[in-house]
């Protein structure tokens, strides 16, 4: 060993430093490799079920969000404002409505909110297509709203004989029900 250091020069110093450094770096790399192997084993065993559950929850959330977006009556919002909004849409334009509310409870934690809908003007007459669009849109824009009663009468029977076909003007009276959870 004495002879090694006796003729010690820069080249031998670099060689010695490189050997010691490569041994240290080799040991550190082996240590990190073992740690990486343990982490990969933990990920495959512990994280796979967690990631799967998270993905399923995210997909369910997306489905529920899309169903709420598509529904005109969101959450526990006011049924009257929903009916008025539908009544003001294109091809419907029913105008002002007179509504009376009623609540019933078919079971302990469910409430049926019922609204009786009549035109504000009792002499108002509507085309059948307008009424059909109104009733269809009420039900199709919300999964929770159902029309439970409809009464449609000819608006003007004056001077009309029994064999004559009346004009396409009608008066209506309807009842809409929305089933919701109790707050």
N, C-alpha and C. Protein backbone atom coordinates (compact mmCIF):
# COMPACT_ATOMS: atom_id res chain seq x y z
N UNK A 1 0.83 -1.18 0.00
CA UNK A 1 0.00 0.00 0.00
C UNK A 1 0.88 1.25 0.00
N UNK A 2 2.03 1.08 0.69
CA UNK A 2 2.96 2.20 0.77
C UNK A 2 3.45 2.59 -0.63
N UNK A 3 3.65 1.56 -1.45
CA UNK A 3 4.14 1.83 -2.80
C UNK A 3 3.06 2.52 -3.64
N UNK A 4 1.81 2.23 -3.33
CA UNK A 4 0.72 2.84 -4.08
C UNK A 4 0.69 4.35 -3.84
N UNK A 5 0.87 4.73 -2.55
CA UNK A 5 0.82 6.15 -2.22
C UNK A 5 2.15 6.86 -2.51
N UNK A 6 3.21 6.07 -2.65
CA UNK A 6 4.51 6.67 -2.90
C UNK A 6 4.56 7.34 -4.27
N UNK A 7 4.05 6.69 -5.24
CA UNK A 7 4.02 7.27 -6.57
C UNK A 7 2.64 7.84 -6.88
N UNK A 8 1.96 8.36 -5.84
CA UNK A 8 0.59 8.88 -5.98
C UNK A 8 0.63 10.14 -6.84
N UNK A 9 -0.15 10.12 -7.87
CA UNK A 9 -0.25 11.28 -8.74
C UNK A 9 -1.74 11.57 -9.04
N UNK A 10 -2.01 12.50 -9.90
CA UNK A 10 -3.38 12.91 -10.20
C UNK A 10 -4.18 11.78 -10.82
N UNK A 11 -3.61 11.02 -11.71
CA UNK A 11 -4.32 9.93 -12.38
C UNK A 11 -4.74 8.87 -11.37
N UNK A 12 -3.82 8.51 -10.45
CA UNK A 12 -4.17 7.52 -9.42
C UNK A 12 -5.21 8.08 -8.46
N UNK A 13 -5.17 9.34 -8.17
CA UNK A 13 -6.18 9.97 -7.31
C UNK A 13 -7.57 9.93 -7.95
N UNK A 14 -7.62 10.19 -9.24
CA UNK A 14 -8.91 10.14 -9.94
C UNK A 14 -9.44 8.71 -9.96
N UNK A 15 -8.55 7.73 -10.17
CA UNK A 15 -8.96 6.32 -10.17
C UNK A 15 -9.49 5.93 -8.80
N UNK A 16 -8.78 6.28 -7.74
CA UNK A 16 -9.22 5.95 -6.38
C UNK A 16 -10.55 6.61 -6.06
N UNK A 17 -10.68 7.88 -6.41
CA UNK A 17 -11.94 8.60 -6.16
C UNK A 17 -13.09 7.97 -6.95
N UNK A 18 -12.85 7.56 -8.16
CA UNK A 18 -13.88 6.94 -9.00
C UNK A 18 -14.32 5.60 -8.43
N UNK A 19 -13.39 4.80 -7.94
CA UNK A 19 -13.75 3.49 -7.37
C UNK A 19 -14.59 3.67 -6.12
N UNK A 20 -14.16 4.55 -5.23
CA UNK A 20 -14.93 4.79 -4.00
C UNK A 20 -16.30 5.38 -4.34
N UNK A 21 -16.33 6.34 -5.24
CA UNK A 21 -17.60 6.97 -5.64
C UNK A 21 -18.56 5.99 -6.29
N UNK A 22 -18.03 5.11 -7.15
CA UNK A 22 -18.92 4.14 -7.81
C UNK A 22 -19.46 3.12 -6.81
N UNK A 23 -18.67 2.75 -5.79
CA UNK A 23 -19.18 1.84 -4.75
C UNK A 23 -20.30 2.51 -3.94
N UNK A 24 -20.10 3.76 -3.58
CA UNK A 24 -21.14 4.49 -2.83
C UNK A 24 -22.40 4.64 -3.68
N UNK A 25 -22.23 5.07 -4.93
CA UNK A 25 -23.40 5.24 -5.81
C UNK A 25 -24.10 3.92 -6.09
N UNK A 26 -23.34 2.83 -6.24
CA UNK A 26 -23.93 1.50 -6.44
C UNK A 26 -24.79 1.10 -5.24
N UNK A 27 -24.26 1.34 -4.03
CA UNK A 27 -25.01 1.01 -2.82
C UNK A 27 -26.29 1.85 -2.73
N UNK A 28 -26.22 3.17 -3.03
CA UNK A 28 -27.39 4.03 -2.99
C UNK A 28 -28.44 3.61 -4.04
N UNK A 29 -27.98 3.24 -5.22
CA UNK A 29 -28.92 2.79 -6.26
C UNK A 29 -29.59 1.49 -5.87
N UNK A 30 -28.85 0.58 -5.27
CA UNK A 30 -29.45 -0.68 -4.82
C UNK A 30 -30.52 -0.42 -3.75
N UNK A 31 -30.21 0.51 -2.82
CA UNK A 31 -31.16 0.87 -1.77
C UNK A 31 -32.45 1.45 -2.37
N UNK A 32 -32.31 2.37 -3.32
CA UNK A 32 -33.48 2.98 -3.98
C UNK A 32 -34.25 1.94 -4.79
N UNK A 33 -33.57 1.01 -5.38
CA UNK A 33 -34.23 -0.05 -6.14
C UNK A 33 -35.10 -0.90 -5.23
N UNK A 34 -34.59 -1.23 -4.04
CA UNK A 34 -35.39 -1.99 -3.07
C UNK A 34 -36.62 -1.20 -2.63
N UNK A 35 -36.44 0.10 -2.40
CA UNK A 35 -37.57 0.95 -2.00
C UNK A 35 -38.62 1.02 -3.10
N UNK A 36 -38.19 1.14 -4.36
CA UNK A 36 -39.10 1.19 -5.49
C UNK A 36 -39.86 -0.13 -5.64
N UNK A 37 -39.20 -1.24 -5.43
CA UNK A 37 -39.86 -2.55 -5.50
C UNK A 37 -40.95 -2.67 -4.44
N UNK A 38 -40.66 -2.21 -3.22
CA UNK A 38 -41.65 -2.24 -2.14
C UNK A 38 -42.85 -1.34 -2.47
N UNK A 39 -42.59 -0.16 -2.99
CA UNK A 39 -43.67 0.76 -3.33
C UNK A 39 -44.55 0.19 -4.45
N UNK A 40 -43.94 -0.43 -5.45
CA UNK A 40 -44.74 -1.03 -6.53
C UNK A 40 -45.62 -2.15 -5.98
N UNK A 41 -45.10 -2.94 -5.07
CA UNK A 41 -45.91 -4.01 -4.47
C UNK A 41 -47.07 -3.41 -3.67
N UNK A 42 -46.80 -2.34 -2.92
CA UNK A 42 -47.86 -1.68 -2.15
C UNK A 42 -48.92 -1.07 -3.06
N UNK A 43 -48.50 -0.49 -4.16
CA UNK A 43 -49.46 0.12 -5.09
C UNK A 43 -50.37 -0.93 -5.67
N UNK A 44 -49.82 -2.04 -6.09
CA UNK A 44 -50.66 -3.07 -6.70
C UNK A 44 -51.60 -3.71 -5.69
N UNK A 45 -51.18 -3.81 -4.45
CA UNK A 45 -52.01 -4.47 -3.44
C UNK A 45 -53.00 -3.50 -2.80
N UNK A 46 -52.52 -2.33 -2.38
CA UNK A 46 -53.35 -1.41 -1.61
C UNK A 46 -54.08 -0.36 -2.45
N UNK A 47 -53.43 0.13 -3.49
CA UNK A 47 -53.99 1.27 -4.22
C UNK A 47 -54.99 0.87 -5.31
N UNK A 48 -54.86 -0.31 -5.86
CA UNK A 48 -55.77 -0.71 -6.94
C UNK A 48 -57.23 -0.68 -6.50
N UNK A 49 -57.59 -1.25 -5.34
CA UNK A 49 -59.00 -1.15 -4.92
C UNK A 49 -59.45 0.30 -4.65
N UNK A 50 -58.56 1.11 -4.12
CA UNK A 50 -58.90 2.51 -3.84
C UNK A 50 -59.15 3.27 -5.14
N UNK A 51 -58.29 3.06 -6.12
CA UNK A 51 -58.44 3.74 -7.41
C UNK A 51 -59.72 3.26 -8.10
N UNK A 52 -60.01 1.98 -8.04
CA UNK A 52 -61.22 1.44 -8.65
C UNK A 52 -62.46 2.05 -7.99
N UNK A 53 -62.48 2.13 -6.68
CA UNK A 53 -63.61 2.73 -5.98
C UNK A 53 -63.75 4.21 -6.32
N UNK A 54 -62.63 4.91 -6.43
CA UNK A 54 -62.66 6.32 -6.78
C UNK A 54 -63.21 6.53 -8.19
N UNK A 55 -62.79 5.69 -9.13
CA UNK A 55 -63.31 5.78 -10.51
C UNK A 55 -64.81 5.53 -10.55
N UNK A 56 -65.27 4.53 -9.81
CA UNK A 56 -66.71 4.23 -9.78
C UNK A 56 -67.49 5.38 -9.19
N UNK A 57 -66.97 5.98 -8.13
CA UNK A 57 -67.64 7.13 -7.52
C UNK A 57 -67.67 8.31 -8.48
N UNK A 58 -66.59 8.52 -9.21
CA UNK A 58 -66.55 9.63 -10.18
C UNK A 58 -67.54 9.40 -11.32
N UNK A 59 -67.65 8.18 -11.81
CA UNK A 59 -68.61 7.88 -12.87
C UNK A 59 -70.04 8.06 -12.38
N UNK A 60 -70.32 7.63 -11.17
CA UNK A 60 -71.67 7.79 -10.60
C UNK A 60 -71.99 9.28 -10.43
N UNK A 61 -71.01 10.06 -9.97
CA UNK A 61 -71.20 11.49 -9.81
C UNK A 61 -71.49 12.15 -11.15
N UNK A 62 -70.78 11.72 -12.18
CA UNK A 62 -70.99 12.28 -13.51
C UNK A 62 -72.39 11.97 -14.01
N UNK A 63 -72.85 10.73 -13.81
CA UNK A 63 -74.20 10.35 -14.23
C UNK A 63 -75.25 11.17 -13.50
N UNK A 64 -75.09 11.33 -12.20
CA UNK A 64 -76.06 12.11 -11.42
C UNK A 64 -76.04 13.57 -11.82
N UNK A 65 -74.84 14.12 -12.08
CA UNK A 65 -74.75 15.51 -12.50
C UNK A 65 -75.44 15.74 -13.83
N UNK A 66 -75.25 14.81 -14.76
CA UNK A 66 -75.90 14.95 -16.07
C UNK A 66 -77.40 14.83 -15.95
N UNK A 67 -77.89 13.96 -15.06
CA UNK A 67 -79.34 13.82 -14.91
C UNK A 67 -79.94 15.06 -14.25
N UNK A 68 -79.21 15.69 -13.33
CA UNK A 68 -79.71 16.91 -12.70
C UNK A 68 -79.69 18.07 -13.69
N UNK A 69 -78.63 18.15 -14.53
CA UNK A 69 -78.56 19.22 -15.53
C UNK A 69 -79.71 19.13 -16.51
N UNK A 70 -80.07 17.92 -16.89
CA UNK A 70 -81.13 17.74 -17.87
C UNK A 70 -82.51 17.96 -17.30
N UNK A 71 -82.61 18.03 -16.02
CA UNK A 71 -83.92 18.16 -15.39
C UNK A 71 -84.22 19.62 -15.11
N UNK A 72 -85.41 20.05 -15.50
CA UNK A 72 -85.80 21.45 -15.29
C UNK A 72 -86.05 21.76 -13.83
N UNK A 73 -86.59 20.81 -13.09
CA UNK A 73 -86.87 21.00 -11.66
C UNK A 73 -85.70 20.41 -10.89
N UNK A 74 -84.79 21.24 -10.44
CA UNK A 74 -83.58 20.76 -9.79
C UNK A 74 -83.73 20.77 -8.28
N UNK A 75 -83.31 19.67 -7.69
CA UNK A 75 -83.31 19.58 -6.23
C UNK A 75 -84.68 19.84 -5.63
N UNK A 76 -84.75 20.70 -4.66
CA UNK A 76 -85.99 21.01 -3.97
C UNK A 76 -86.51 22.39 -4.38
N UNK A 77 -86.27 22.82 -5.61
CA UNK A 77 -86.69 24.15 -6.02
C UNK A 77 -88.20 24.25 -6.07
N UNK A 78 -88.66 25.44 -6.24
CA UNK A 78 -90.07 25.76 -6.19
C UNK A 78 -90.80 25.21 -7.40
N UNK A 79 -91.85 24.44 -7.17
CA UNK A 79 -92.64 23.84 -8.24
C UNK A 79 -93.38 24.91 -9.04
N UNK A 80 -93.84 25.95 -8.36
CA UNK A 80 -94.58 27.03 -9.04
C UNK A 80 -93.69 27.73 -10.07
N UNK A 81 -92.46 28.03 -9.69
CA UNK A 81 -91.57 28.71 -10.64
C UNK A 81 -91.23 27.80 -11.82
N UNK A 82 -91.13 26.51 -11.58
CA UNK A 82 -90.89 25.57 -12.67
C UNK A 82 -92.07 25.58 -13.66
N UNK A 83 -93.29 25.54 -13.14
CA UNK A 83 -94.49 25.54 -14.01
C UNK A 83 -94.57 26.84 -14.79
N UNK A 84 -94.29 27.96 -14.14
CA UNK A 84 -94.33 29.26 -14.84
C UNK A 84 -93.24 29.33 -15.92
N UNK A 85 -92.08 28.78 -15.64
CA UNK A 85 -91.00 28.77 -16.62
C UNK A 85 -91.39 27.96 -17.85
N UNK A 86 -91.99 26.79 -17.62
CA UNK A 86 -92.43 25.96 -18.74
C UNK A 86 -93.54 26.67 -19.51
N UNK A 87 -94.43 27.34 -18.81
CA UNK A 87 -95.53 28.06 -19.46
C UNK A 87 -95.07 29.22 -20.32
N UNK A 88 -93.86 29.72 -20.11
CA UNK A 88 -93.35 30.83 -20.88
C UNK A 88 -92.42 30.44 -22.01
N UNK A 89 -92.20 29.13 -22.21
CA UNK A 89 -91.28 28.68 -23.27
C UNK A 89 -91.89 28.90 -24.66
N UNK A 90 -91.01 28.84 -25.68
CA UNK A 90 -91.46 28.95 -27.07
C UNK A 90 -92.44 27.84 -27.40
N UNK A 91 -93.40 28.14 -28.24
CA UNK A 91 -94.46 27.24 -28.70
C UNK A 91 -95.45 26.88 -27.60
N UNK A 92 -95.29 27.46 -26.44
CA UNK A 92 -96.24 27.21 -25.36
C UNK A 92 -96.92 28.53 -25.02
N UNK A 93 -96.20 29.43 -24.39
CA UNK A 93 -96.66 30.78 -24.08
C UNK A 93 -98.12 30.81 -23.60
N UNK A 94 -98.34 30.11 -22.50
CA UNK A 94 -99.67 30.04 -21.90
C UNK A 94 -100.07 31.37 -21.28
N UNK A 95 -99.13 32.11 -20.78
CA UNK A 95 -99.44 33.38 -20.12
C UNK A 95 -99.51 33.21 -18.62
N UNK A 96 -100.20 34.12 -17.98
CA UNK A 96 -100.32 34.07 -16.52
C UNK A 96 -101.19 32.89 -16.10
N UNK A 97 -100.74 32.24 -15.03
CA UNK A 97 -101.46 31.07 -14.53
C UNK A 97 -101.88 31.30 -13.09
N UNK A 98 -103.02 30.76 -12.75
CA UNK A 98 -103.53 30.81 -11.39
C UNK A 98 -103.30 29.42 -10.80
N UNK A 99 -102.51 29.35 -9.74
CA UNK A 99 -102.18 28.04 -9.16
C UNK A 99 -102.53 28.00 -7.69
N UNK A 100 -103.03 26.85 -7.28
CA UNK A 100 -103.31 26.62 -5.87
C UNK A 100 -102.53 25.38 -5.43
N UNK A 101 -101.89 25.50 -4.30
CA UNK A 101 -101.01 24.42 -3.81
C UNK A 101 -101.72 23.56 -2.79
N UNK A 102 -101.29 22.31 -2.76
CA UNK A 102 -101.79 21.35 -1.78
C UNK A 102 -100.69 20.34 -1.54
N UNK A 103 -100.50 19.95 -0.28
CA UNK A 103 -99.48 18.95 0.04
C UNK A 103 -100.12 17.77 0.73
N UNK A 104 -99.71 16.58 0.32
CA UNK A 104 -100.13 15.35 0.99
C UNK A 104 -98.88 14.54 1.28
N UNK A 105 -98.99 13.64 2.25
CA UNK A 105 -97.85 12.81 2.63
C UNK A 105 -98.24 11.34 2.56
N UNK A 106 -97.90 10.66 1.45
CA UNK A 106 -98.26 9.25 1.32
C UNK A 106 -97.48 8.32 2.26
N UNK A 107 -96.28 8.73 2.67
CA UNK A 107 -95.51 7.96 3.64
C UNK A 107 -94.76 8.94 4.55
N UNK A 108 -93.98 8.41 5.47
CA UNK A 108 -93.39 9.25 6.51
C UNK A 108 -92.38 10.27 6.00
N UNK A 109 -91.58 9.93 5.00
CA UNK A 109 -90.55 10.87 4.57
C UNK A 109 -90.73 11.31 3.11
N UNK A 110 -91.94 11.23 2.60
CA UNK A 110 -92.23 11.65 1.22
C UNK A 110 -93.40 12.64 1.24
N UNK A 111 -93.28 13.68 0.42
CA UNK A 111 -94.33 14.69 0.30
C UNK A 111 -94.74 14.79 -1.16
N UNK A 112 -96.04 14.76 -1.41
CA UNK A 112 -96.57 15.02 -2.75
C UNK A 112 -97.04 16.46 -2.79
N UNK A 113 -96.35 17.27 -3.61
CA UNK A 113 -96.74 18.67 -3.78
C UNK A 113 -97.62 18.74 -5.01
N UNK A 114 -98.87 19.17 -4.83
CA UNK A 114 -99.81 19.24 -5.94
C UNK A 114 -100.15 20.69 -6.22
N UNK A 115 -100.17 21.02 -7.50
CA UNK A 115 -100.54 22.36 -7.94
C UNK A 115 -101.69 22.23 -8.92
N UNK A 116 -102.79 22.92 -8.64
CA UNK A 116 -103.89 22.99 -9.59
C UNK A 116 -103.63 24.19 -10.48
N UNK A 117 -103.61 23.97 -11.79
CA UNK A 117 -103.24 25.01 -12.75
C UNK A 117 -104.47 25.40 -13.55
N UNK A 118 -104.73 26.71 -13.56
CA UNK A 118 -105.80 27.28 -14.39
C UNK A 118 -105.25 28.57 -14.99
N UNK A 119 -105.76 28.96 -16.14
CA UNK A 119 -105.35 30.27 -16.68
C UNK A 119 -105.85 31.38 -15.76
N UNK A 120 -105.07 32.45 -15.67
CA UNK A 120 -105.46 33.58 -14.83
C UNK A 120 -106.78 34.19 -15.30
N UNK A 121 -106.97 34.24 -16.60
CA UNK A 121 -108.21 34.73 -17.19
C UNK A 121 -109.11 33.52 -17.45
N UNK A 122 -110.27 33.41 -16.81
CA UNK A 122 -111.12 32.23 -17.01
C UNK A 122 -111.66 32.12 -18.44
N UNK A 123 -111.66 33.22 -19.20
CA UNK A 123 -112.15 33.19 -20.58
C UNK A 123 -111.04 32.91 -21.59
N UNK A 124 -109.81 32.72 -21.13
CA UNK A 124 -108.69 32.48 -22.04
C UNK A 124 -108.87 31.15 -22.77
N UNK A 125 -108.57 31.17 -24.08
CA UNK A 125 -108.71 29.97 -24.90
C UNK A 125 -107.36 29.68 -25.56
N UNK A 126 -107.05 28.40 -25.70
CA UNK A 126 -105.77 27.98 -26.25
C UNK A 126 -105.99 26.92 -27.32
N UNK A 127 -105.08 26.87 -28.26
CA UNK A 127 -105.09 25.83 -29.28
C UNK A 127 -104.68 24.50 -28.63
N UNK A 128 -105.16 23.41 -29.20
CA UNK A 128 -104.82 22.10 -28.65
C UNK A 128 -103.31 21.86 -28.66
N UNK A 129 -102.63 22.29 -29.72
CA UNK A 129 -101.18 22.07 -29.82
C UNK A 129 -100.44 22.80 -28.71
N UNK A 130 -100.91 23.98 -28.35
CA UNK A 130 -100.30 24.73 -27.25
C UNK A 130 -100.45 23.97 -25.94
N UNK A 131 -101.64 23.45 -25.70
CA UNK A 131 -101.89 22.70 -24.46
C UNK A 131 -101.07 21.41 -24.44
N UNK A 132 -101.02 20.73 -25.56
CA UNK A 132 -100.24 19.48 -25.63
C UNK A 132 -98.77 19.77 -25.37
N UNK A 133 -98.23 20.82 -25.98
CA UNK A 133 -96.83 21.18 -25.75
C UNK A 133 -96.58 21.52 -24.29
N UNK A 134 -97.51 22.24 -23.68
CA UNK A 134 -97.37 22.62 -22.27
C UNK A 134 -97.34 21.38 -21.38
N UNK A 135 -98.30 20.51 -21.54
CA UNK A 135 -98.38 19.31 -20.68
C UNK A 135 -97.20 18.37 -20.94
N UNK A 136 -96.83 18.21 -22.20
CA UNK A 136 -95.70 17.33 -22.52
C UNK A 136 -94.40 17.88 -21.94
N UNK A 137 -94.18 19.18 -22.06
CA UNK A 137 -92.94 19.78 -21.55
C UNK A 137 -92.88 19.71 -20.03
N UNK A 138 -94.02 19.87 -19.37
CA UNK A 138 -94.04 19.74 -17.90
C UNK A 138 -93.50 18.38 -17.48
N UNK A 139 -93.94 17.33 -18.14
CA UNK A 139 -93.51 15.99 -17.75
C UNK A 139 -92.14 15.62 -18.29
N UNK A 140 -91.82 16.03 -19.51
CA UNK A 140 -90.56 15.57 -20.10
C UNK A 140 -89.34 16.30 -19.56
N UNK A 141 -89.47 17.54 -19.09
CA UNK A 141 -88.32 18.28 -18.58
C UNK A 141 -87.96 17.92 -17.15
N UNK A 142 -88.81 17.19 -16.47
CA UNK A 142 -88.52 16.79 -15.10
C UNK A 142 -89.03 15.38 -14.86
N UNK A 143 -88.17 14.56 -14.26
CA UNK A 143 -88.60 13.19 -13.96
C UNK A 143 -89.57 13.16 -12.78
N UNK A 144 -89.60 14.21 -12.00
CA UNK A 144 -90.38 14.21 -10.78
C UNK A 144 -91.80 14.75 -10.95
N UNK A 145 -92.04 15.49 -12.01
CA UNK A 145 -93.35 16.14 -12.21
C UNK A 145 -94.22 15.27 -13.09
N UNK A 146 -95.44 14.99 -12.63
CA UNK A 146 -96.41 14.21 -13.40
C UNK A 146 -97.75 14.96 -13.40
N UNK A 147 -98.42 14.88 -14.53
CA UNK A 147 -99.75 15.47 -14.63
C UNK A 147 -100.73 14.41 -14.14
N UNK A 148 -101.47 14.73 -13.09
CA UNK A 148 -102.36 13.74 -12.50
C UNK A 148 -103.83 13.95 -12.86
N UNK A 149 -104.17 15.13 -13.37
CA UNK A 149 -105.55 15.37 -13.78
C UNK A 149 -105.57 16.47 -14.83
N UNK A 150 -106.37 16.26 -15.88
CA UNK A 150 -106.54 17.28 -16.92
C UNK A 150 -108.01 17.35 -17.28
N UNK A 151 -108.52 18.57 -17.39
CA UNK A 151 -109.89 18.79 -17.84
C UNK A 151 -109.80 19.82 -18.97
N UNK A 152 -110.26 19.42 -20.16
CA UNK A 152 -110.23 20.30 -21.32
C UNK A 152 -111.65 20.44 -21.85
N UNK A 153 -112.08 21.70 -22.06
CA UNK A 153 -113.42 21.97 -22.57
C UNK A 153 -113.33 22.90 -23.77
N UNK A 154 -114.32 22.82 -24.63
CA UNK A 154 -114.40 23.73 -25.76
C UNK A 154 -114.61 25.14 -25.22
N UNK A 155 -113.88 26.11 -25.77
CA UNK A 155 -113.93 27.48 -25.24
C UNK A 155 -115.24 28.20 -25.59
N UNK A 156 -115.72 28.02 -26.82
CA UNK A 156 -116.90 28.78 -27.23
C UNK A 156 -117.91 27.84 -27.87
N UNK A 157 -118.99 27.57 -27.15
CA UNK A 157 -120.05 26.72 -27.66
C UNK A 157 -121.26 27.54 -28.13
N UNK A 158 -121.19 28.87 -28.04
CA UNK A 158 -122.33 29.72 -28.40
C UNK A 158 -122.66 29.58 -29.88
N UNK A 159 -123.91 29.35 -30.17
CA UNK A 159 -124.38 29.27 -31.54
C UNK A 159 -123.90 28.04 -32.28
N UNK A 160 -123.31 27.10 -31.58
CA UNK A 160 -122.79 25.90 -32.22
C UNK A 160 -123.83 24.79 -32.12
N UNK A 161 -124.14 24.21 -33.25
CA UNK A 161 -125.10 23.11 -33.25
C UNK A 161 -124.36 21.83 -32.91
N UNK A 162 -125.12 20.84 -32.48
CA UNK A 162 -124.49 19.60 -32.00
C UNK A 162 -123.72 18.85 -33.07
N UNK A 163 -124.07 19.02 -34.33
CA UNK A 163 -123.38 18.29 -35.39
C UNK A 163 -122.19 19.07 -35.96
N UNK A 164 -121.99 20.31 -35.54
CA UNK A 164 -120.91 21.14 -36.07
C UNK A 164 -119.62 20.92 -35.27
N UNK A 165 -118.52 21.06 -35.97
CA UNK A 165 -117.19 20.92 -35.34
C UNK A 165 -116.80 22.28 -34.78
N UNK A 166 -116.43 22.32 -33.49
CA UNK A 166 -116.07 23.62 -32.90
C UNK A 166 -114.69 24.09 -33.39
N UNK A 167 -114.44 25.37 -33.16
CA UNK A 167 -113.11 25.90 -33.47
C UNK A 167 -112.09 25.28 -32.51
N UNK A 168 -110.83 25.38 -32.88
CA UNK A 168 -109.77 24.77 -32.08
C UNK A 168 -109.34 25.71 -30.95
N UNK A 169 -110.29 26.08 -30.11
CA UNK A 169 -110.04 26.92 -28.93
C UNK A 169 -110.56 26.19 -27.71
N UNK A 170 -109.69 26.03 -26.72
CA UNK A 170 -110.01 25.20 -25.57
C UNK A 170 -109.63 25.89 -24.27
N UNK A 171 -110.37 25.54 -23.22
CA UNK A 171 -110.05 25.97 -21.85
C UNK A 171 -109.56 24.73 -21.10
N UNK A 172 -108.71 24.96 -20.13
CA UNK A 172 -108.18 23.78 -19.41
C UNK A 172 -108.11 24.04 -17.92
N UNK A 173 -108.02 22.95 -17.22
CA UNK A 173 -107.83 22.91 -15.77
C UNK A 173 -107.01 21.64 -15.54
N UNK A 174 -105.85 21.75 -14.89
CA UNK A 174 -104.98 20.58 -14.72
C UNK A 174 -104.41 20.55 -13.31
N UNK A 175 -103.98 19.37 -12.93
CA UNK A 175 -103.31 19.19 -11.65
C UNK A 175 -101.97 18.51 -11.89
N UNK A 176 -100.92 19.06 -11.32
CA UNK A 176 -99.56 18.53 -11.46
C UNK A 176 -99.09 18.10 -10.08
N UNK A 177 -98.42 16.94 -10.02
CA UNK A 177 -97.91 16.42 -8.76
C UNK A 177 -96.40 16.23 -8.85
N UNK A 178 -95.71 16.66 -7.80
CA UNK A 178 -94.27 16.46 -7.70
C UNK A 178 -93.99 15.75 -6.38
N UNK A 179 -93.42 14.56 -6.48
CA UNK A 179 -93.10 13.78 -5.29
C UNK A 179 -91.68 14.11 -4.87
N UNK A 180 -91.52 14.49 -3.58
CA UNK A 180 -90.22 14.90 -3.07
C UNK A 180 -90.01 14.35 -1.67
N UNK A 181 -88.74 14.34 -1.27
CA UNK A 181 -88.43 13.94 0.12
C UNK A 181 -88.79 15.07 1.06
N UNK A 182 -89.16 14.71 2.28
CA UNK A 182 -89.43 15.72 3.28
C UNK A 182 -88.13 16.40 3.68
N UNK A 183 -88.19 17.69 3.89
CA UNK A 183 -87.00 18.46 4.28
C UNK A 183 -86.79 18.39 5.76
